[in-house]
PDB file of all heavy atoms in Angstrom:
ATOM      1  N   ALA A   1      -0.109   2.541  -5.004  1.00  0.00           N
ATOM      2  CA  ALA A   1       0.470   2.918  -3.703  1.00  0.00           C
ATOM      3  C   ALA A   1      -0.432   2.467  -2.568  1.00  0.00           C
ATOM      4  O   ALA A   1      -1.631   2.745  -2.545  1.00  0.00           O
ATOM      5  CB  ALA A   1       0.665   4.434  -3.623  1.00  0.00           C
ATOM      6  N   ALA A   2       0.172   1.748  -1.596  1.00  0.00           N
ATOM      7  CA  ALA A   2      -0.581   1.258  -0.439  1.00  0.00           C
ATOM      8  C   ALA A   2      -0.562   2.250   0.727  1.00  0.00           C
ATOM      9  O   ALA A   2      -1.471   2.266   1.550  1.00  0.00           O
ATOM     10  CB  ALA A   2      -0.024  -0.084   0.013  1.00  0.00           C
ATOM     11  N   PHE A   3       0.448   3.073   0.799  1.00  0.00           N
ATOM     12  CA  PHE A   3       0.623   3.897   1.989  1.00  0.00           C
ATOM     13  C   PHE A   3      -0.480   4.909   2.265  1.00  0.00           C
ATOM     14  O   PHE A   3      -0.704   5.260   3.421  1.00  0.00           O
ATOM     15  CB  PHE A   3       2.000   4.603   1.967  1.00  0.00           C
ATOM     16  CG  PHE A   3       2.086   5.763   1.012  1.00  0.00           C
ATOM     17  CD1 PHE A   3       1.800   7.047   1.416  1.00  0.00           C
ATOM     18  CD2 PHE A   3       2.496   5.559  -0.302  1.00  0.00           C
ATOM     19  CE1 PHE A   3       1.912   8.109   0.553  1.00  0.00           C
ATOM     20  CE2 PHE A   3       2.589   6.617  -1.192  1.00  0.00           C
ATOM     21  CZ  PHE A   3       2.312   7.912  -0.766  1.00  0.00           C
ATOM     22  N   PRO A   4      -1.235   5.413   1.241  1.00  0.00           N
ATOM     23  CA  PRO A   4      -2.340   6.321   1.572  1.00  0.00           C
ATOM     24  C   PRO A   4      -3.409   5.702   2.464  1.00  0.00           C
ATOM     25  O   PRO A   4      -4.185   6.435   3.122  1.00  0.00           O
ATOM     26  CB  PRO A   4      -2.911   6.677   0.205  1.00  0.00           C
ATOM     27  CG  PRO A   4      -1.740   6.566  -0.723  1.00  0.00           C
ATOM     28  CD  PRO A   4      -1.027   5.360  -0.202  1.00  0.00           C
ATOM     29  N   LEU A   5      -3.457   4.366   2.572  1.00  0.00           N
ATOM     30  CA  LEU A   5      -4.408   3.726   3.489  1.00  0.00           C
ATOM     31  C   LEU A   5      -4.139   4.145   4.941  1.00  0.00           C
ATOM     32  O   LEU A   5      -5.037   4.048   5.784  1.00  0.00           O
ATOM     33  CB  LEU A   5      -4.305   2.204   3.371  1.00  0.00           C
ATOM     34  CG  LEU A   5      -4.851   1.588   2.077  1.00  0.00           C
ATOM     35  CD1 LEU A   5      -4.448   0.129   1.968  1.00  0.00           C
ATOM     36  CD2 LEU A   5      -6.362   1.729   1.986  1.00  0.00           C
ATOM     37  N   LEU A   6      -2.916   4.581   5.232  1.00  0.00           N
ATOM     38  CA  LEU A   6      -2.587   5.011   6.574  1.00  0.00           C
ATOM     39  C   LEU A   6      -3.384   6.241   7.011  1.00  0.00           C
ATOM     40  O   LEU A   6      -3.451   6.556   8.205  1.00  0.00           O
ATOM     41  CB  LEU A   6      -1.084   5.315   6.678  1.00  0.00           C
ATOM     42  CG  LEU A   6      -0.143   4.112   6.527  1.00  0.00           C
ATOM     43  CD1 LEU A   6       1.270   4.581   6.207  1.00  0.00           C
ATOM     44  CD2 LEU A   6      -0.169   3.268   7.809  1.00  0.00           C
ATOM     45  N   ASN A   7      -4.005   6.942   6.063  1.00  0.00           N
ATOM     46  CA  ASN A   7      -4.719   8.161   6.361  1.00  0.00           C
ATOM     47  C   ASN A   7      -6.077   7.924   7.040  1.00  0.00           C
ATOM     48  O   ASN A   7      -6.710   8.882   7.503  1.00  0.00           O
ATOM     49  CB  ASN A   7      -4.959   8.962   5.073  1.00  0.00           C
ATOM     50  CG  ASN A   7      -3.787   9.857   4.754  1.00  0.00           C
ATOM     51  OD1 ASN A   7      -3.217  10.496   5.663  1.00  0.00           O
ATOM     52  ND2 ASN A   7      -3.405   9.940   3.489  1.00  0.00           N
ATOM     53  N   SER A   8      -6.527   6.676   7.098  1.00  0.00           N
ATOM     54  CA  SER A   8      -7.854   6.411   7.692  1.00  0.00           C
ATOM     55  C   SER A   8      -7.753   5.279   8.710  1.00  0.00           C
ATOM     56  O   SER A   8      -6.876   4.411   8.637  1.00  0.00           O
ATOM     57  CB  SER A   8      -8.868   6.022   6.624  1.00  0.00           C
ATOM     58  OG  SER A   8      -8.568   4.758   6.084  1.00  0.00           O
ATOM     59  N   THR A   9      -8.663   5.305   9.686  1.00  0.00           N
ATOM     60  CA  THR A   9      -8.720   4.248  10.673  1.00  0.00           C
ATOM     61  C   THR A   9      -8.991   2.896  10.012  1.00  0.00           C
ATOM     62  O   THR A   9      -8.365   1.880  10.335  1.00  0.00           O
ATOM     63  CB  THR A   9      -9.822   4.532  11.692  1.00  0.00           C
ATOM     64  OG1 THR A   9      -9.554   5.792  12.331  1.00  0.00           O
ATOM     65  CG2 THR A   9      -9.909   3.443  12.738  1.00  0.00           C
ATOM     66  N   GLU A  10      -9.878   2.909   9.029  1.00  0.00           N
ATOM     67  CA  GLU A  10     -10.201   1.673   8.306  1.00  0.00           C
ATOM     68  C   GLU A  10      -8.982   1.147   7.553  1.00  0.00           C
ATOM     69  O   GLU A  10      -8.706  -0.057   7.555  1.00  0.00           O
ATOM     70  CB  GLU A  10     -11.341   1.919   7.326  1.00  0.00           C
ATOM     71  CG  GLU A  10     -11.729   0.702   6.510  1.00  0.00           C
ATOM     72  CD  GLU A  10     -12.687   1.001   5.388  1.00  0.00           C
ATOM     73  OE1 GLU A  10     -12.990   2.188   5.149  1.00  0.00           O
ATOM     74  OE2 GLU A  10     -13.134   0.040   4.728  1.00  0.00           O
ATOM     75  N   GLY A  11      -8.276   2.054   6.918  1.00  0.00           N
ATOM     76  CA  GLY A  11      -7.087   1.647   6.156  1.00  0.00           C
ATOM     77  C   GLY A  11      -6.012   1.074   7.051  1.00  0.00           C
ATOM     78  O   GLY A  11      -5.371   0.079   6.713  1.00  0.00           O
ATOM     79  N   ARG A  12      -5.787   1.709   8.185  1.00  0.00           N
ATOM     80  CA  ARG A  12      -4.773   1.205   9.118  1.00  0.00           C
ATOM     81  C   ARG A  12      -5.155  -0.168   9.655  1.00  0.00           C
ATOM     82  O   ARG A  12      -4.288  -1.039   9.827  1.00  0.00           O
ATOM     83  CB  ARG A  12      -4.555   2.203  10.257  1.00  0.00           C
ATOM     84  CG  ARG A  12      -3.898   3.517   9.798  1.00  0.00           C
ATOM     85  CD  ARG A  12      -3.453   4.339  10.989  1.00  0.00           C
ATOM     86  NE  ARG A  12      -4.563   4.848  11.794  1.00  0.00           N
ATOM     87  CZ  ARG A  12      -5.252   5.952  11.554  1.00  0.00           C
ATOM     88  NH1 ARG A  12      -4.949   6.705  10.500  1.00  0.00           N
ATOM     89  NH2 ARG A  12      -6.226   6.347  12.338  1.00  0.00           N
ATOM     90  N   ALA A  13      -6.453  -0.377   9.902  1.00  0.00           N
ATOM     91  CA  ALA A  13      -6.912  -1.683  10.370  1.00  0.00           C
ATOM     92  C   ALA A  13      -6.723  -2.746   9.296  1.00  0.00           C
ATOM     93  O   ALA A  13      -6.353  -3.887   9.586  1.00  0.00           O
ATOM     94  CB  ALA A  13      -8.380  -1.600  10.784  1.00  0.00           C
ATOM     95  N   LEU A  14      -6.955  -2.376   8.046  1.00  0.00           N
ATOM     96  CA  LEU A  14      -6.764  -3.312   6.936  1.00  0.00           C
ATOM     97  C   LEU A  14      -5.304  -3.723   6.816  1.00  0.00           C
ATOM     98  O   LEU A  14      -4.984  -4.901   6.653  1.00  0.00           O
ATOM     99  CB  LEU A  14      -7.240  -2.670   5.636  1.00  0.00           C
ATOM    100  CG  LEU A  14      -7.100  -3.498   4.362  1.00  0.00           C
ATOM    101  CD1 LEU A  14      -7.954  -4.759   4.433  1.00  0.00           C
ATOM    102  CD2 LEU A  14      -7.499  -2.659   3.141  1.00  0.00           C
ATOM    103  N   LEU A  15      -4.403  -2.766   6.926  1.00  0.00           N
ATOM    104  CA  LEU A  15      -2.970  -3.068   6.860  1.00  0.00           C
ATOM    105  C   LEU A  15      -2.551  -3.930   8.045  1.00  0.00           C
ATOM    106  O   LEU A  15      -1.774  -4.882   7.885  1.00  0.00           O
ATOM    107  CB  LEU A  15      -2.161  -1.766   6.818  1.00  0.00           C
ATOM    108  CG  LEU A  15      -2.239  -0.958   5.526  1.00  0.00           C
ATOM    109  CD1 LEU A  15      -1.607   0.411   5.725  1.00  0.00           C
ATOM    110  CD2 LEU A  15      -1.561  -1.689   4.381  1.00  0.00           C
ATOM    111  N   ALA A  16      -3.021  -3.613   9.220  1.00  0.00           N
ATOM    112  CA  ALA A  16      -2.661  -4.397  10.402  1.00  0.00           C
ATOM    113  C   ALA A  16      -3.130  -5.832  10.262  1.00  0.00           C
ATOM    114  O   ALA A  16      -2.383  -6.774  10.581  1.00  0.00           O
ATOM    115  CB  ALA A  16      -3.267  -3.762  11.657  1.00  0.00           C
ATOM    116  N   ALA A  17      -4.330  -6.035   9.738  1.00  0.00           N
ATOM    117  CA  ALA A  17      -4.859  -7.384   9.553  1.00  0.00           C
ATOM    118  C   ALA A  17      -4.011  -8.156   8.529  1.00  0.00           C
ATOM    119  O   ALA A  17      -3.790  -9.372   8.691  1.00  0.00           O
ATOM    120  CB  ALA A  17      -6.312  -7.333   9.097  1.00  0.00           C
ATOM    121  N   TYR A  18      -3.558  -7.438   7.510  1.00  0.00           N
ATOM    122  CA  TYR A  18      -2.653  -8.075   6.514  1.00  0.00           C
ATOM    123  C   TYR A  18      -1.382  -8.585   7.176  1.00  0.00           C
ATOM    124  O   TYR A  18      -1.012  -9.759   7.022  1.00  0.00           O
ATOM    125  CB  TYR A  18      -2.339  -7.035   5.427  1.00  0.00           C
ATOM    126  CG  TYR A  18      -1.181  -7.434   4.549  1.00  0.00           C
ATOM    127  CD1 TYR A  18      -1.371  -8.254   3.438  1.00  0.00           C
ATOM    128  CD2 TYR A  18       0.105  -6.965   4.797  1.00  0.00           C
ATOM    129  CE1 TYR A  18      -0.318  -8.615   2.617  1.00  0.00           C
ATOM    130  CE2 TYR A  18       1.174  -7.330   3.991  1.00  0.00           C
ATOM    131  CZ  TYR A  18       0.957  -8.153   2.899  1.00  0.00           C
ATOM    132  OH  TYR A  18       1.994  -8.515   2.098  1.00  0.00           O
ATOM    133  N   TYR A  19      -0.723  -7.752   7.970  1.00  0.00           N
ATOM    134  CA  TYR A  19       0.522  -8.166   8.625  1.00  0.00           C
ATOM    135  C   TYR A  19       0.276  -9.249   9.660  1.00  0.00           C
ATOM    136  O   TYR A  19       1.112 -10.155   9.826  1.00  0.00           O
ATOM    137  CB  TYR A  19       1.184  -6.955   9.293  1.00  0.00           C
ATOM    138  CG  TYR A  19       1.768  -5.961   8.314  1.00  0.00           C
ATOM    139  CD1 TYR A  19       1.243  -4.669   8.227  1.00  0.00           C
ATOM    140  CD2 TYR A  19       2.822  -6.291   7.481  1.00  0.00           C
ATOM    141  CE1 TYR A  19       1.770  -3.738   7.346  1.00  0.00           C
ATOM    142  CE2 TYR A  19       3.363  -5.371   6.586  1.00  0.00           C
ATOM    143  CZ  TYR A  19       2.814  -4.094   6.525  1.00  0.00           C
ATOM    144  OH  TYR A  19       3.341  -3.157   5.652  1.00  0.00           O
ATOM    145  N   GLU A  20      -0.859  -9.186  10.337  1.00  0.00           N
ATOM    146  CA  GLU A  20      -1.159 -10.180  11.385  1.00  0.00           C
ATOM    147  C   GLU A  20      -1.174 -11.589  10.804  1.00  0.00           C
ATOM    148  O   GLU A  20      -0.746 -12.542  11.472  1.00  0.00           O
ATOM    149  CB  GLU A  20      -2.512  -9.872  12.033  1.00  0.00           C
ATOM    150  CG  GLU A  20      -2.584  -8.555  12.789  1.00  0.00           C
ATOM    151  CD  GLU A  20      -2.276  -8.727  14.252  1.00  0.00           C
ATOM    152  OE1 GLU A  20      -1.852  -9.824  14.645  1.00  0.00           O
ATOM    153  OE2 GLU A  20      -2.465  -7.759  15.000  1.00  0.00           O
ATOM    154  N   ARG A  21      -1.644 -11.757   9.580  1.00  0.00           N
ATOM    155  CA  ARG A  21      -1.699 -13.089   8.984  1.00  0.00           C
ATOM    156  C   ARG A  21      -0.306 -13.672   8.823  1.00  0.00           C
ATOM    157  O   ARG A  21      -0.074 -14.868   9.022  1.00  0.00           O
ATOM    158  CB  ARG A  21      -2.434 -13.016   7.641  1.00  0.00           C
ATOM    159  CG  ARG A  21      -3.907 -12.685   7.760  1.00  0.00           C
ATOM    160  CD  ARG A  21      -4.650 -12.952   6.474  1.00  0.00           C
ATOM    161  NE  ARG A  21      -4.310 -12.030   5.404  1.00  0.00           N
ATOM    162  CZ  ARG A  21      -4.926 -10.865   5.184  1.00  0.00           C
ATOM    163  NH1 ARG A  21      -5.898 -10.456   5.993  1.00  0.00           N
ATOM    164  NH2 ARG A  21      -4.560 -10.103   4.170  1.00  0.00           N
ATOM    165  N   TYR A  22       0.658 -12.826   8.445  1.00  0.00           N
ATOM    166  CA  TYR A  22       2.026 -13.306   8.269  1.00  0.00           C
ATOM    167  C   TYR A  22       2.739 -13.502   9.610  1.00  0.00           C
ATOM    168  O   TYR A  22       3.533 -14.419   9.747  1.00  0.00           O
ATOM    169  CB  TYR A  22       2.795 -12.322   7.395  1.00  0.00           C
ATOM    170  CG  TYR A  22       2.327 -12.304   5.964  1.00  0.00           C
ATOM    171  CD1 TYR A  22       1.377 -11.370   5.539  1.00  0.00           C
ATOM    172  CD2 TYR A  22       2.808 -13.220   5.043  1.00  0.00           C
ATOM    173  CE1 TYR A  22       0.923 -11.348   4.225  1.00  0.00           C
ATOM    174  CE2 TYR A  22       2.356 -13.220   3.714  1.00  0.00           C
ATOM    175  CZ  TYR A  22       1.416 -12.261   3.318  1.00  0.00           C
ATOM    176  OH  TYR A  22       0.980 -12.275   2.023  1.00  0.00           O
ATOM    177  N   LEU A  23       2.436 -12.643  10.558  1.00  0.00           N
ATOM    178  CA  LEU A  23       3.018 -12.815  11.879  1.00  0.00           C
ATOM    179  C   LEU A  23       2.560 -14.152  12.509  1.00  0.00           C
ATOM    180  O   LEU A  23       3.327 -14.775  13.234  1.00  0.00           O
ATOM    181  CB  LEU A  23       2.628 -11.642  12.779  1.00  0.00           C
ATOM    182  CG  LEU A  23       3.373 -10.327  12.475  1.00  0.00           C
ATOM    183  CD1 LEU A  23       2.621  -9.140  13.050  1.00  0.00           C
ATOM    184  CD2 LEU A  23       4.795 -10.368  13.022  1.00  0.00           C
ATOM    185  N   ALA A  24       1.346 -14.567  12.185  1.00  0.00           N
ATOM    186  CA  ALA A  24       0.868 -15.855  12.669  1.00  0.00           C
ATOM    187  C   ALA A  24       1.671 -16.998  12.081  1.00  0.00           C
ATOM    188  O   ALA A  24       1.931 -18.018  12.743  1.00  0.00           O
ATOM    189  CB  ALA A  24      -0.616 -16.009  12.343  1.00  0.00           C
ATOM    190  N   VAL A  25       2.060 -16.879  10.802  1.00  0.00           N
ATOM    191  CA  VAL A  25       2.907 -17.899  10.171  1.00  0.00           C
ATOM    192  C   VAL A  25       4.260 -17.968  10.869  1.00  0.00           C
ATOM    193  O   VAL A  25       4.772 -19.056  11.196  1.00  0.00           O
ATOM    194  CB  VAL A  25       3.080 -17.606   8.671  1.00  0.00           C
ATOM    195  CG1 VAL A  25       4.047 -18.628   8.043  1.00  0.00           C
ATOM    196  CG2 VAL A  25       1.745 -17.634   7.941  1.00  0.00           C
TER     197      VAL A  25
END
């Protein structure tokens, strides 16, 4: 499960960075 990462600032930043790479494409 990936969604528990939302519980921390670090986890939310990690998810945002993941999506940012695809948004750049």
